[in-house]
Every structure is written in C-alpha cells, then in structure tokens.
C-alpha cells in the first residue's frame, strides 16, 4: 500500500518506520 505522511515529528517518523518495515511504500511531506 502507498502511504503519505504529512509532518515528520516524533509520531510521523515512528509511523513511517513501522509502515516501511511492514513493506508499505511511504512518502513523507514536511516543511523542512
């Protein structure tokens, strides 16, 4: 599954790590 995460704070980065380890395609959008 493709997942877009908006914001990469503490929760966003942990969610991205978890979803990626489960085999999902993750894209993160952040101001910086």
Protein backbone atom coordinates (compact mmCIF):
# COMPACT_ATOMS: atom_id res chain seq x y z
CA UNK A 1 0.00 0.00 0.00
CA UNK A 2 1.21 3.53 -0.72
CA UNK A 3 1.07 5.84 2.31
CA UNK A 4 1.64 9.61 2.50
CA UNK A 5 2.57 11.06 5.89
CA UNK A 6 2.31 14.82 6.35
CA UNK A 7 4.69 16.01 9.05
CA UNK A 8 7.72 14.13 10.30
CA UNK A 9 7.79 14.80 14.01
CA UNK A 10 8.07 12.10 16.62
CA UNK A 11 4.81 10.37 15.63
CA UNK A 12 5.25 10.75 11.87
CA UNK A 13 8.75 9.32 11.84
CA UNK A 14 7.78 6.35 14.02
CA UNK A 15 4.75 5.67 11.83
CA UNK A 16 6.90 5.83 8.70
CA UNK A 17 9.43 3.41 10.20
CA UNK A 18 6.71 0.96 11.24
CA UNK A 19 4.84 1.03 7.92
CA UNK A 20 8.06 0.75 5.93
CA UNK A 21 9.18 -2.28 7.92
CA UNK A 22 5.83 -3.91 7.10
CA UNK A 23 6.54 -3.47 3.38
CA UNK A 24 4.45 -0.38 2.61
CA UNK A 25 5.68 2.37 0.28
CA UNK A 26 5.94 5.52 2.42
CA UNK A 27 6.27 9.15 1.29
CA UNK A 28 6.85 11.88 3.88
CA UNK A 29 5.92 15.53 3.29
CA UNK A 30 7.42 18.02 5.74
CA UNK A 31 8.18 21.76 5.78
CA UNK A 32 11.92 21.21 6.18
